[in-house]
Protein backbone atom coordinates (compact mmCIF):
# COMPACT_ATOMS: atom_id res chain seq x y z
CA UNK A 1 -23.10 -9.70 5.23
CA UNK A 2 -25.08 -12.61 6.52
CA UNK A 3 -28.06 -14.62 5.50
CA UNK A 4 -30.23 -17.49 6.59
CA UNK A 5 -31.43 -20.24 4.25
CA UNK A 6 -33.94 -22.86 5.38
CA UNK A 7 -37.07 -24.84 4.49
CA UNK A 8 -40.31 -23.53 5.95
CA UNK A 9 -43.17 -25.71 7.23
CA UNK A 10 -44.69 -25.93 3.73
CA UNK A 11 -41.50 -27.00 1.96
CA UNK A 12 -40.60 -23.59 0.53
CA UNK A 13 -36.97 -22.53 0.52
CA UNK A 14 -36.67 -19.27 2.44
CA UNK A 15 -33.68 -16.96 2.14
CA UNK A 16 -33.31 -13.99 4.47
CA UNK A 17 -30.64 -11.66 3.11
CA UNK A 18 -28.97 -9.28 5.58
CA UNK A 19 -26.43 -6.50 5.13
CA UNK A 20 -24.09 -5.63 2.30
CA UNK A 21 -23.55 -8.37 -0.27
CA UNK A 22 -20.32 -9.65 -1.83
CA UNK A 23 -19.86 -12.23 -4.57
CA UNK A 24 -18.63 -14.99 -2.23
CA UNK A 25 -21.72 -14.59 -0.04
CA UNK A 26 -24.03 -14.73 -3.06
CA UNK A 27 -22.33 -17.91 -4.29
CA UNK A 28 -22.60 -19.52 -0.84
CA UNK A 29 -26.29 -18.60 -0.67
CA UNK A 30 -26.71 -20.25 -4.08
CA UNK A 31 -25.00 -23.45 -2.89
CA UNK A 32 -27.33 -23.62 0.09
CA UNK A 33 -30.45 -23.05 -2.02
CA UNK A 34 -29.32 -25.67 -4.53
CA UNK A 35 -28.65 -28.22 -1.76
CA UNK A 36 -32.10 -27.65 -0.22
CA UNK A 37 -33.81 -27.89 -3.63
CA UNK A 38 -32.00 -31.15 -4.42
CA UNK A 39 -32.72 -32.58 -0.96
CA UNK A 40 -36.42 -31.86 -1.51
CA UNK A 41 -36.19 -34.11 -4.57
CA UNK A 42 -37.59 -31.81 -7.22
CA UNK A 43 -35.31 -28.82 -7.89
CA UNK A 44 -37.16 -27.74 -11.03
CA UNK A 45 -40.33 -27.14 -9.03
CA UNK A 46 -38.69 -25.59 -5.95
CA UNK A 47 -40.55 -22.64 -4.49
CA UNK A 48 -38.29 -19.92 -3.10
CA UNK A 49 -39.09 -16.88 -0.96
CA UNK A 50 -36.37 -14.24 -0.62
CA UNK A 51 -36.67 -11.60 2.11
CA UNK A 52 -34.79 -8.46 1.04
CA UNK A 53 -36.02 -6.20 3.84
CA UNK A 54 -32.62 -6.22 5.58
CA UNK A 55 -30.36 -6.20 2.52
CA UNK A 56 -27.70 -3.52 2.21
CA UNK A 57 -25.65 -2.67 -0.84
CA UNK A 58 -24.24 -5.07 -3.43
CA UNK A 59 -21.05 -4.35 -5.30
CA UNK A 60 -20.67 -5.07 -9.03
CA UNK A 61 -19.12 -8.50 -8.39
CA UNK A 62 -22.05 -9.47 -6.15
CA UNK A 63 -24.58 -8.35 -8.77
CA UNK A 64 -22.71 -10.34 -11.43
CA UNK A 65 -22.63 -13.42 -9.15
CA UNK A 66 -26.38 -13.04 -8.59
CA UNK A 67 -27.06 -12.86 -12.30
CA UNK A 68 -24.94 -15.96 -12.95
CA UNK A 69 -26.72 -17.78 -10.13
CA UNK A 70 -30.11 -17.18 -11.76
CA UNK A 71 -28.99 -19.20 -14.78
CA UNK A 72 -27.27 -22.05 -12.95
CA UNK A 73 -29.77 -23.11 -10.32
CA UNK A 74 -32.92 -25.13 -11.01
CA UNK A 75 -36.11 -23.82 -9.41
CA UNK A 76 -39.79 -23.37 -10.16
CA UNK A 77 -40.51 -19.87 -8.92
CA UNK A 78 -38.87 -17.33 -6.65
CA UNK A 79 -40.77 -14.51 -5.00
CA UNK A 80 -38.67 -11.65 -3.67
CA UNK A 81 -40.16 -9.22 -1.19
CA UNK A 82 -39.34 -6.42 1.22
CA UNK A 83 -36.85 -4.50 -0.95
CA UNK A 84 -36.48 -0.78 -0.45
CA UNK A 85 -37.26 1.39 -3.53
CA UNK A 86 -33.76 1.78 -5.00
CA UNK A 87 -32.65 -1.87 -4.58
CA UNK A 88 -36.09 -2.88 -5.88
CA UNK A 89 -35.56 -0.83 -9.04
CA UNK A 90 -32.12 -2.34 -9.71
CA UNK A 91 -33.37 -5.85 -8.98
CA UNK A 92 -36.21 -5.38 -11.47
CA UNK A 93 -33.72 -4.22 -14.11
CA UNK A 94 -31.52 -7.26 -13.45
CA UNK A 95 -34.49 -9.62 -13.78
CA UNK A 96 -35.58 -7.98 -17.03
CA UNK A 97 -32.05 -8.17 -18.45
CA UNK A 98 -31.76 -11.83 -17.40
CA UNK A 99 -35.18 -12.57 -18.95
CA UNK A 100 -36.32 -14.27 -15.75
CA UNK A 101 -39.55 -12.41 -14.96
CA UNK A 102 -41.63 -15.51 -15.72
CA UNK A 103 -40.01 -17.34 -12.77
CA UNK A 104 -38.85 -14.53 -10.47
CA UNK A 105 -40.93 -11.58 -9.34
CA UNK A 106 -40.71 -8.80 -6.79
CA UNK A 107 -43.53 -8.17 -4.33
CA UNK A 108 -44.25 -5.70 -1.55
CA UNK A 109 -45.12 -8.35 1.04
CA UNK A 110 -44.23 -11.92 1.97
CA UNK A 111 -47.89 -12.93 1.61
CA UNK A 112 -48.05 -11.72 -2.01
CA UNK A 113 -44.80 -13.54 -2.83
CA UNK A 114 -46.00 -16.71 -1.07
CA UNK A 115 -49.28 -16.79 -2.99
CA UNK A 116 -47.47 -16.39 -6.31
CA UNK A 117 -44.82 -19.08 -5.70
CA UNK A 118 -47.50 -21.46 -4.42
CA UNK A 119 -49.46 -21.18 -7.68
CA UNK A 120 -47.13 -23.79 -9.20
CA UNK A 121 -48.36 -26.31 -6.59
CA UNK A 122 -52.01 -26.01 -7.54
CA UNK A 123 -52.92 -28.02 -10.64
CA UNK A 124 -54.84 -26.12 -13.27
CA UNK A 125 -58.56 -26.81 -13.18
CA UNK A 126 -59.82 -28.90 -16.06
CA UNK A 127 -62.36 -27.15 -18.24
CA UNK A 128 -65.90 -28.31 -17.69
CA UNK A 129 -67.40 -30.56 -20.35
CA UNK A 130 -70.01 -28.83 -22.46
CA UNK A 131 -73.47 -30.17 -23.30
């Protein structure tokens, strides 16, 4: 199990998850994400991209740690991408059960995930005044 957590050139937090996951690794990943979000100064609007293309299996303790992490870390949106079909299915179920689908979504590609997380940066257009 290994991972990389860093800020990209546009201020997004990027997490690359590799190999089989255990609870301690999930908690450490969470600490790193939280530290980067706080260092950026606005944790509640943090944009996170999570690359799952190299992830292995996660035991029950790791899945439980991941679920707890979702409720303890402040962020705006997280876009997950690259998951294989079976992990993708289980991740979707976890997000539904955690009632987090408004802030976390799964995508096929990094570009789709990036566009979605970046929507929170763009202010909504004001409606045009009528005659």
